[in-house]
PDB file of all heavy atoms in Angstrom:
ATOM      1  N   LEU A   1       0.819  -1.211   0.000  1.00  0.00           N
ATOM      2  CA  LEU A   1       0.000   0.000   0.000  1.00  0.00           C
ATOM      3  C   LEU A   1       0.853   1.261   0.000  1.00  0.00           C
ATOM      4  O   LEU A   1       0.401   2.315  -0.441  1.00  0.00           O
ATOM      5  CB  LEU A   1      -0.933   0.004   1.219  1.00  0.00           C
ATOM      6  CG  LEU A   1      -2.039  -1.058   1.239  1.00  0.00           C
ATOM      7  CD1 LEU A   1      -2.784  -1.011   2.554  1.00  0.00           C
ATOM      8  CD2 LEU A   1      -2.989  -0.861   0.070  1.00  0.00           C
ATOM      9  N   GLN A   2       2.071   1.149   0.484  1.00  0.00           N
ATOM     10  CA  GLN A   2       2.943   2.322   0.486  1.00  0.00           C
ATOM     11  C   GLN A   2       3.220   2.824  -0.926  1.00  0.00           C
ATOM     12  O   GLN A   2       3.486   4.012  -1.123  1.00  0.00           O
ATOM     13  CB  GLN A   2       4.274   1.987   1.181  1.00  0.00           C
ATOM     14  CG  GLN A   2       4.143   1.766   2.666  1.00  0.00           C
ATOM     15  CD  GLN A   2       5.480   1.484   3.333  1.00  0.00           C
ATOM     16  OE1 GLN A   2       6.520   1.472   2.683  1.00  0.00           O
ATOM     17  NE2 GLN A   2       5.451   1.245   4.628  1.00  0.00           N
ATOM     18  N   LEU A   3       3.155   1.931  -1.909  1.00  0.00           N
ATOM     19  CA  LEU A   3       3.371   2.353  -3.291  1.00  0.00           C
ATOM     20  C   LEU A   3       2.273   3.314  -3.720  1.00  0.00           C
ATOM     21  O   LEU A   3       2.526   4.328  -4.370  1.00  0.00           O
ATOM     22  CB  LEU A   3       3.425   1.134  -4.217  1.00  0.00           C
ATOM     23  CG  LEU A   3       4.521   0.109  -3.909  1.00  0.00           C
ATOM     24  CD1 LEU A   3       4.392  -1.096  -4.831  1.00  0.00           C
ATOM     25  CD2 LEU A   3       5.895   0.740  -4.041  1.00  0.00           C
ATOM     26  N   GLY A   4       1.026   2.962  -3.344  1.00  0.00           N
ATOM     27  CA  GLY A   4      -0.083   3.854  -3.660  1.00  0.00           C
ATOM     28  C   GLY A   4      -0.011   5.145  -2.865  1.00  0.00           C
ATOM     29  O   GLY A   4      -0.241   6.234  -3.390  1.00  0.00           O
ATOM     30  N   TYR A   5       0.336   5.036  -1.584  1.00  0.00           N
ATOM     31  CA  TYR A   5       0.440   6.230  -0.766  1.00  0.00           C
ATOM     32  C   TYR A   5       1.580   7.127  -1.245  1.00  0.00           C
ATOM     33  O   TYR A   5       1.486   8.358  -1.161  1.00  0.00           O
ATOM     34  CB  TYR A   5       0.665   5.846   0.699  1.00  0.00           C
ATOM     35  CG  TYR A   5      -0.520   5.191   1.346  1.00  0.00           C
ATOM     36  CD1 TYR A   5      -0.357   4.166   2.264  1.00  0.00           C
ATOM     37  CD2 TYR A   5      -1.818   5.604   1.041  1.00  0.00           C
ATOM     38  CE1 TYR A   5      -1.454   3.555   2.857  1.00  0.00           C
ATOM     39  CE2 TYR A   5      -2.917   4.997   1.624  1.00  0.00           C
ATOM     40  CZ  TYR A   5      -2.732   3.976   2.536  1.00  0.00           C
ATOM     41  OH  TYR A   5      -3.812   3.378   3.118  1.00  0.00           O
ATOM     42  N   SER A   6       2.646   6.521  -1.756  1.00  0.00           N
ATOM     43  CA  SER A   6       3.756   7.319  -2.278  1.00  0.00           C
ATOM     44  C   SER A   6       3.297   8.156  -3.456  1.00  0.00           C
ATOM     45  O   SER A   6       3.691   9.309  -3.613  1.00  0.00           O
ATOM     46  CB  SER A   6       4.910   6.401  -2.705  1.00  0.00           C
ATOM     47  OG  SER A   6       5.455   5.738  -1.593  1.00  0.00           O
ATOM     48  N   PHE A   7       2.450   7.576  -4.301  1.00  0.00           N
ATOM     49  CA  PHE A   7       1.905   8.306  -5.443  1.00  0.00           C
ATOM     50  C   PHE A   7       1.130   9.530  -4.969  1.00  0.00           C
ATOM     51  O   PHE A   7       1.304  10.642  -5.463  1.00  0.00           O
ATOM     52  CB  PHE A   7       1.001   7.386  -6.259  1.00  0.00           C
ATOM     53  CG  PHE A   7       0.176   8.104  -7.299  1.00  0.00           C
ATOM     54  CD1 PHE A   7       0.727   8.443  -8.516  1.00  0.00           C
ATOM     55  CD2 PHE A   7      -1.149   8.437  -7.057  1.00  0.00           C
ATOM     56  CE1 PHE A   7      -0.020   9.116  -9.474  1.00  0.00           C
ATOM     57  CE2 PHE A   7      -1.904   9.101  -7.998  1.00  0.00           C
ATOM     58  CZ  PHE A   7      -1.333   9.442  -9.214  1.00  0.00           C
ATOM     59  N   LEU A   8       0.271   9.307  -3.979  1.00  0.00           N
ATOM     60  CA  LEU A   8      -0.538  10.412  -3.482  1.00  0.00           C
ATOM     61  C   LEU A   8       0.316  11.466  -2.795  1.00  0.00           C
ATOM     62  O   LEU A   8       0.153  12.664  -3.019  1.00  0.00           O
ATOM     63  CB  LEU A   8      -1.591   9.869  -2.501  1.00  0.00           C
ATOM     64  CG  LEU A   8      -2.631   8.909  -3.078  1.00  0.00           C
ATOM     65  CD1 LEU A   8      -3.514   8.391  -1.962  1.00  0.00           C
ATOM     66  CD2 LEU A   8      -3.470   9.603  -4.139  1.00  0.00           C
ATOM     67  N   SER A   9       1.231  11.009  -1.960  1.00  0.00           N
ATOM     68  CA  SER A   9       2.042  11.949  -1.183  1.00  0.00           C
ATOM     69  C   SER A   9       2.991  12.738  -2.068  1.00  0.00           C
ATOM     70  O   SER A   9       3.174  13.940  -1.882  1.00  0.00           O
ATOM     71  CB  SER A   9       2.844  11.183  -0.123  1.00  0.00           C
ATOM     72  OG  SER A   9       1.972  10.515   0.763  1.00  0.00           O
ATOM     73  N   ALA A  10       3.592  12.063  -3.046  1.00  0.00           N
ATOM     74  CA  ALA A  10       4.557  12.741  -3.909  1.00  0.00           C
ATOM     75  C   ALA A  10       3.891  13.831  -4.726  1.00  0.00           C
ATOM     76  O   ALA A  10       4.523  14.813  -5.114  1.00  0.00           O
ATOM     77  CB  ALA A  10       5.231  11.729  -4.837  1.00  0.00           C
ATOM     78  N   ASN A  11       2.608  13.683  -4.988  1.00  0.00           N
ATOM     79  CA  ASN A  11       1.882  14.668  -5.772  1.00  0.00           C
ATOM     80  C   ASN A  11       1.062  15.620  -4.898  1.00  0.00           C
ATOM     81  O   ASN A  11       0.236  16.367  -5.398  1.00  0.00           O
ATOM     82  CB  ASN A  11       0.962  13.963  -6.775  1.00  0.00           C
ATOM     83  CG  ASN A  11       1.726  13.243  -7.852  1.00  0.00           C
ATOM     84  OD1 ASN A  11       2.197  13.854  -8.800  1.00  0.00           O
ATOM     85  ND2 ASN A  11       1.883  11.932  -7.715  1.00  0.00           N
ATOM     86  N   ASN A  12       1.303  15.554  -3.580  1.00  0.00           N
ATOM     87  CA  ASN A  12       0.596  16.427  -2.642  1.00  0.00           C
ATOM     88  C   ASN A  12      -0.916  16.204  -2.674  1.00  0.00           C
ATOM     89  O   ASN A  12      -1.707  17.113  -2.492  1.00  0.00           O
ATOM     90  CB  ASN A  12       0.906  17.900  -2.936  1.00  0.00           C
ATOM     91  CG  ASN A  12       0.489  18.811  -1.796  1.00  0.00           C
ATOM     92  OD1 ASN A  12       0.484  18.393  -0.648  1.00  0.00           O
ATOM     93  ND2 ASN A  12       0.126  20.041  -2.121  1.00  0.00           N
ATOM     94  N   TYR A  13      -1.311  14.951  -2.971  1.00  0.00           N
ATOM     95  CA  TYR A  13      -2.738  14.663  -3.086  1.00  0.00           C
ATOM     96  C   TYR A  13      -3.346  14.142  -1.793  1.00  0.00           C
ATOM     97  O   TYR A  13      -4.502  14.380  -1.501  1.00  0.00           O
ATOM     98  CB  TYR A  13      -2.988  13.561  -4.117  1.00  0.00           C
ATOM     99  CG  TYR A  13      -2.599  13.842  -5.538  1.00  0.00           C
ATOM    100  CD1 TYR A  13      -2.538  12.804  -6.453  1.00  0.00           C
ATOM    101  CD2 TYR A  13      -2.318  15.126  -5.972  1.00  0.00           C
ATOM    102  CE1 TYR A  13      -2.189  13.042  -7.765  1.00  0.00           C
ATOM    103  CE2 TYR A  13      -1.964  15.362  -7.278  1.00  0.00           C
ATOM    104  CZ  TYR A  13      -1.906  14.322  -8.174  1.00  0.00           C
ATOM    105  OH  TYR A  13      -1.561  14.554  -9.470  1.00  0.00           O
ATOM    106  N   ARG A  14      -2.590  13.386  -1.061  1.00  0.00           N
ATOM    107  CA  ARG A  14      -3.166  12.483  -0.077  1.00  0.00           C
ATOM    108  C   ARG A  14      -4.132  13.143   0.899  1.00  0.00           C
ATOM    109  O   ARG A  14      -5.277  12.717   1.027  1.00  0.00           O
ATOM    110  CB  ARG A  14      -2.045  11.774   0.686  1.00  0.00           C
ATOM    111  CG  ARG A  14      -2.558  10.725   1.669  1.00  0.00           C
ATOM    112  CD  ARG A  14      -1.414  10.012   2.333  1.00  0.00           C
ATOM    113  NE  ARG A  14      -1.897   9.079   3.322  1.00  0.00           N
ATOM    114  CZ  ARG A  14      -1.116   8.372   4.117  1.00  0.00           C
ATOM    115  NH1 ARG A  14       0.184   8.496   4.012  1.00  0.00           N
ATOM    116  NH2 ARG A  14      -1.629   7.546   5.003  1.00  0.00           N
ATOM    117  N   SER A  15      -3.686  14.175   1.588  1.00  0.00           N
ATOM    118  CA  SER A  15      -4.538  14.760   2.624  1.00  0.00           C
ATOM    119  C   SER A  15      -5.772  15.427   2.034  1.00  0.00           C
ATOM    120  O   SER A  15      -6.884  15.269   2.554  1.00  0.00           O
ATOM    121  CB  SER A  15      -3.742  15.763   3.463  1.00  0.00           C
ATOM    122  OG  SER A  15      -3.232  16.808   2.648  1.00  0.00           O
ATOM    123  N   VAL A  16      -5.591  16.163   0.935  1.00  0.00           N
ATOM    124  CA  VAL A  16      -6.721  16.868   0.327  1.00  0.00           C
ATOM    125  C   VAL A  16      -7.736  15.885  -0.241  1.00  0.00           C
ATOM    126  O   VAL A  16      -8.940  15.971   0.043  1.00  0.00           O
ATOM    127  CB  VAL A  16      -6.239  17.830  -0.783  1.00  0.00           C
ATOM    128  CG1 VAL A  16      -7.437  18.432  -1.523  1.00  0.00           C
ATOM    129  CG2 VAL A  16      -5.370  18.926  -0.199  1.00  0.00           C
ATOM    130  N   ILE A  17      -7.257  14.941  -1.041  1.00  0.00           N
ATOM    131  CA  ILE A  17      -8.157  13.979  -1.678  1.00  0.00           C
ATOM    132  C   ILE A  17      -8.884  13.144  -0.634  1.00  0.00           C
ATOM    133  O   ILE A  17     -10.109  12.961  -0.702  1.00  0.00           O
ATOM    134  CB  ILE A  17      -7.377  13.051  -2.633  1.00  0.00           C
ATOM    135  CG1 ILE A  17      -6.766  13.845  -3.786  1.00  0.00           C
ATOM    136  CG2 ILE A  17      -8.294  11.941  -3.155  1.00  0.00           C
ATOM    137  CD1 ILE A  17      -7.761  14.471  -4.722  1.00  0.00           C
ATOM    138  N   GLN A  18      -8.146  12.616   0.333  1.00  0.00           N
ATOM    139  CA  GLN A  18      -8.774  11.758   1.343  1.00  0.00           C
ATOM    140  C   GLN A  18      -9.830  12.511   2.134  1.00  0.00           C
ATOM    141  O   GLN A  18     -10.908  11.978   2.409  1.00  0.00           O
ATOM    142  CB  GLN A  18      -7.709  11.181   2.279  1.00  0.00           C
ATOM    143  CG  GLN A  18      -8.226  10.054   3.172  1.00  0.00           C
ATOM    144  CD  GLN A  18      -8.729   8.862   2.367  1.00  0.00           C
ATOM    145  OE1 GLN A  18      -8.092   8.445   1.402  1.00  0.00           O
ATOM    146  NE2 GLN A  18      -9.876   8.328   2.761  1.00  0.00           N
ATOM    147  N   GLN A  19      -9.548  13.767   2.473  1.00  0.00           N
ATOM    148  CA  GLN A  19     -10.526  14.559   3.213  1.00  0.00           C
ATOM    149  C   GLN A  19     -11.783  14.801   2.396  1.00  0.00           C
ATOM    150  O   GLN A  19     -12.905  14.719   2.906  1.00  0.00           O
ATOM    151  CB  GLN A  19      -9.920  15.895   3.643  1.00  0.00           C
ATOM    152  CG  GLN A  19     -10.819  16.702   4.578  1.00  0.00           C
ATOM    153  CD  GLN A  19     -11.133  15.960   5.856  1.00  0.00           C
ATOM    154  OE1 GLN A  19     -10.239  15.608   6.604  1.00  0.00           O
ATOM    155  NE2 GLN A  19     -12.417  15.720   6.111  1.00  0.00           N
ATOM    156  N   VAL A  20     -11.605  15.079   1.104  1.00  0.00           N
ATOM    157  CA  VAL A  20     -12.758  15.298   0.225  1.00  0.00           C
ATOM    158  C   VAL A  20     -13.625  14.038   0.148  1.00  0.00           C
ATOM    159  O   VAL A  20     -14.858  14.103   0.265  1.00  0.00           O
ATOM    160  CB  VAL A  20     -12.289  15.704  -1.187  1.00  0.00           C
ATOM    161  CG1 VAL A  20     -13.437  15.586  -2.189  1.00  0.00           C
ATOM    162  CG2 VAL A  20     -11.750  17.131  -1.174  1.00  0.00           C
ATOM    163  N   LEU A  21     -12.992  12.888  -0.019  1.00  0.00           N
ATOM    164  CA  LEU A  21     -13.743  11.629  -0.122  1.00  0.00           C
ATOM    165  C   LEU A  21     -14.473  11.322   1.189  1.00  0.00           C
ATOM    166  O   LEU A  21     -15.634  10.887   1.187  1.00  0.00           O
ATOM    167  CB  LEU A  21     -12.808  10.482  -0.495  1.00  0.00           C
ATOM    168  CG  LEU A  21     -12.087  10.610  -1.836  1.00  0.00           C
ATOM    169  CD1 LEU A  21     -11.189   9.394  -2.068  1.00  0.00           C
ATOM    170  CD2 LEU A  21     -13.071  10.766  -2.993  1.00  0.00           C
ATOM    171  N   GLU A  22     -13.809  11.555   2.301  1.00  0.00           N
ATOM    172  CA  GLU A  22     -14.441  11.301   3.598  1.00  0.00           C
ATOM    173  C   GLU A  22     -15.599  12.273   3.839  1.00  0.00           C
ATOM    174  O   GLU A  22     -16.613  11.897   4.444  1.00  0.00           O
ATOM    175  CB  GLU A  22     -13.405  11.404   4.713  1.00  0.00           C
ATOM    176  CG  GLU A  22     -12.402  10.248   4.688  1.00  0.00           C
ATOM    177  CD  GLU A  22     -11.296  10.394   5.719  1.00  0.00           C
ATOM    178  OE1 GLU A  22     -11.353  11.358   6.516  1.00  0.00           O
ATOM    179  OE2 GLU A  22     -10.377   9.552   5.712  1.00  0.00           O
ATOM    180  N   ASP A  23     -15.465  13.492   3.359  1.00  0.00           N
ATOM    181  CA  ASP A  23     -16.556  14.463   3.481  1.00  0.00           C
ATOM    182  C   ASP A  23     -17.787  14.000   2.706  1.00  0.00           C
ATOM    183  O   ASP A  23     -18.926  14.153   3.169  1.00  0.00           O
ATOM    184  CB  ASP A  23     -16.112  15.832   2.972  1.00  0.00           C
ATOM    185  CG  ASP A  23     -15.151  16.536   3.933  1.00  0.00           C
ATOM    186  OD1 ASP A  23     -15.003  16.063   5.074  1.00  0.00           O
ATOM    187  OD2 ASP A  23     -14.552  17.545   3.523  1.00  0.00           O
ATOM    188  N   ILE A  24     -17.555  13.440   1.518  1.00  0.00           N
ATOM    189  CA  ILE A  24     -18.668  12.932   0.714  1.00  0.00           C
ATOM    190  C   ILE A  24     -19.402  11.832   1.468  1.00  0.00           C
ATOM    191  O   ILE A  24     -20.637  11.828   1.568  1.00  0.00           O
ATOM    192  CB  ILE A  24     -18.161  12.410  -0.647  1.00  0.00           C
ATOM    193  CG1 ILE A  24     -17.661  13.570  -1.514  1.00  0.00           C
ATOM    194  CG2 ILE A  24     -19.267  11.641  -1.376  1.00  0.00           C
ATOM    195  CD1 ILE A  24     -16.976  13.128  -2.785  1.00  0.00           C
ATOM    196  N   THR A  25     -18.634  10.884   2.002  1.00  0.00           N
ATOM    197  CA  THR A  25     -19.247   9.780   2.737  1.00  0.00           C
ATOM    198  C   THR A  25     -20.017  10.281   3.952  1.00  0.00           C
ATOM    199  O   THR A  25     -21.117   9.810   4.260  1.00  0.00           O
ATOM    200  CB  THR A  25     -18.174   8.772   3.174  1.00  0.00           C
ATOM    201  OG1 THR A  25     -17.497   8.268   2.020  1.00  0.00           O
ATOM    202  CG2 THR A  25     -18.787   7.601   3.923  1.00  0.00           C
ATOM    203  N   ALA A  26     -19.451  11.261   4.644  1.00  0.00           N
ATOM    204  CA  ALA A  26     -20.118  11.815   5.824  1.00  0.00           C
ATOM    205  C   ALA A  26     -21.407  12.540   5.453  1.00  0.00           C
ATOM    206  O   ALA A  26     -22.402  12.474   6.191  1.00  0.00           O
ATOM    207  CB  ALA A  26     -19.167  12.769   6.548  1.00  0.00           C
ATOM    208  N   GLU A  27     -21.428  13.210   4.304  1.00  0.00           N
ATOM    209  CA  GLU A  27     -22.582  14.002   3.906  1.00  0.00           C
ATOM    210  C   GLU A  27     -23.735  13.167   3.378  1.00  0.00           C
ATOM    211  O   GLU A  27     -24.903  13.466   3.643  1.00  0.00           O
ATOM    212  CB  GLU A  27     -22.164  15.035   2.850  1.00  0.00           C
ATOM    213  CG  GLU A  27     -21.304  16.158   3.410  1.00  0.00           C
ATOM    214  CD  GLU A  27     -20.886  17.158   2.340  1.00  0.00           C
ATOM    215  OE1 GLU A  27     -21.760  17.568   1.549  1.00  0.00           O
ATOM    216  OE2 GLU A  27     -19.701  17.534   2.297  1.00  0.00           O
ATOM    217  N   ILE A  28     -23.424  12.114   2.600  1.00  0.00           N
ATOM    218  CA  ILE A  28     -24.517  11.360   1.967  1.00  0.00           C
ATOM    219  C   ILE A  28     -24.523   9.872   2.313  1.00  0.00           C
ATOM    220  O   ILE A  28     -25.418   9.136   1.884  1.00  0.00           O
ATOM    221  CB  ILE A  28     -24.476  11.516   0.424  1.00  0.00           C
ATOM    222  CG1 ILE A  28     -23.163  10.963  -0.154  1.00  0.00           C
ATOM    223  CG2 ILE A  28     -24.670  12.973   0.033  1.00  0.00           C
ATOM    224  CD1 ILE A  28     -23.141  10.965  -1.676  1.00  0.00           C
ATOM    225  N   GLY A  29     -23.523   9.419   3.073  1.00  0.00           N
ATOM    226  CA  GLY A  29     -23.515   8.022   3.493  1.00  0.00           C
ATOM    227  C   GLY A  29     -23.174   7.036   2.409  1.00  0.00           C
ATOM    228  O   GLY A  29     -23.536   5.855   2.503  1.00  0.00           O
ATOM    229  N   GLU A  30     -22.489   7.496   1.357  1.00  0.00           N
ATOM    230  CA  GLU A  30     -22.115   6.612   0.252  1.00  0.00           C
ATOM    231  C   GLU A  30     -20.589   6.536   0.118  1.00  0.00           C
ATOM    232  O   GLU A  30     -19.862   7.439   0.547  1.00  0.00           O
ATOM    233  CB  GLU A  30     -22.707   7.120  -1.066  1.00  0.00           C
ATOM    234  CG  GLU A  30     -24.210   7.267  -1.082  1.00  0.00           C
ATOM    235  CD  GLU A  30     -24.964   5.937  -1.056  1.00  0.00           C
ATOM    236  OE1 GLU A  30     -24.309   4.874  -1.114  1.00  0.00           O
ATOM    237  OE2 GLU A  30     -26.203   5.979  -0.977  1.00  0.00           O
TER     238      GLU A  30
END
């Protein structure tokens, strides 16, 4: 899994993308 996380982290995606996805789940339960 670190390979995938490296992709996200190297591109400065991880925290922003993960927060957005979690917000979606929290808002609509999907």
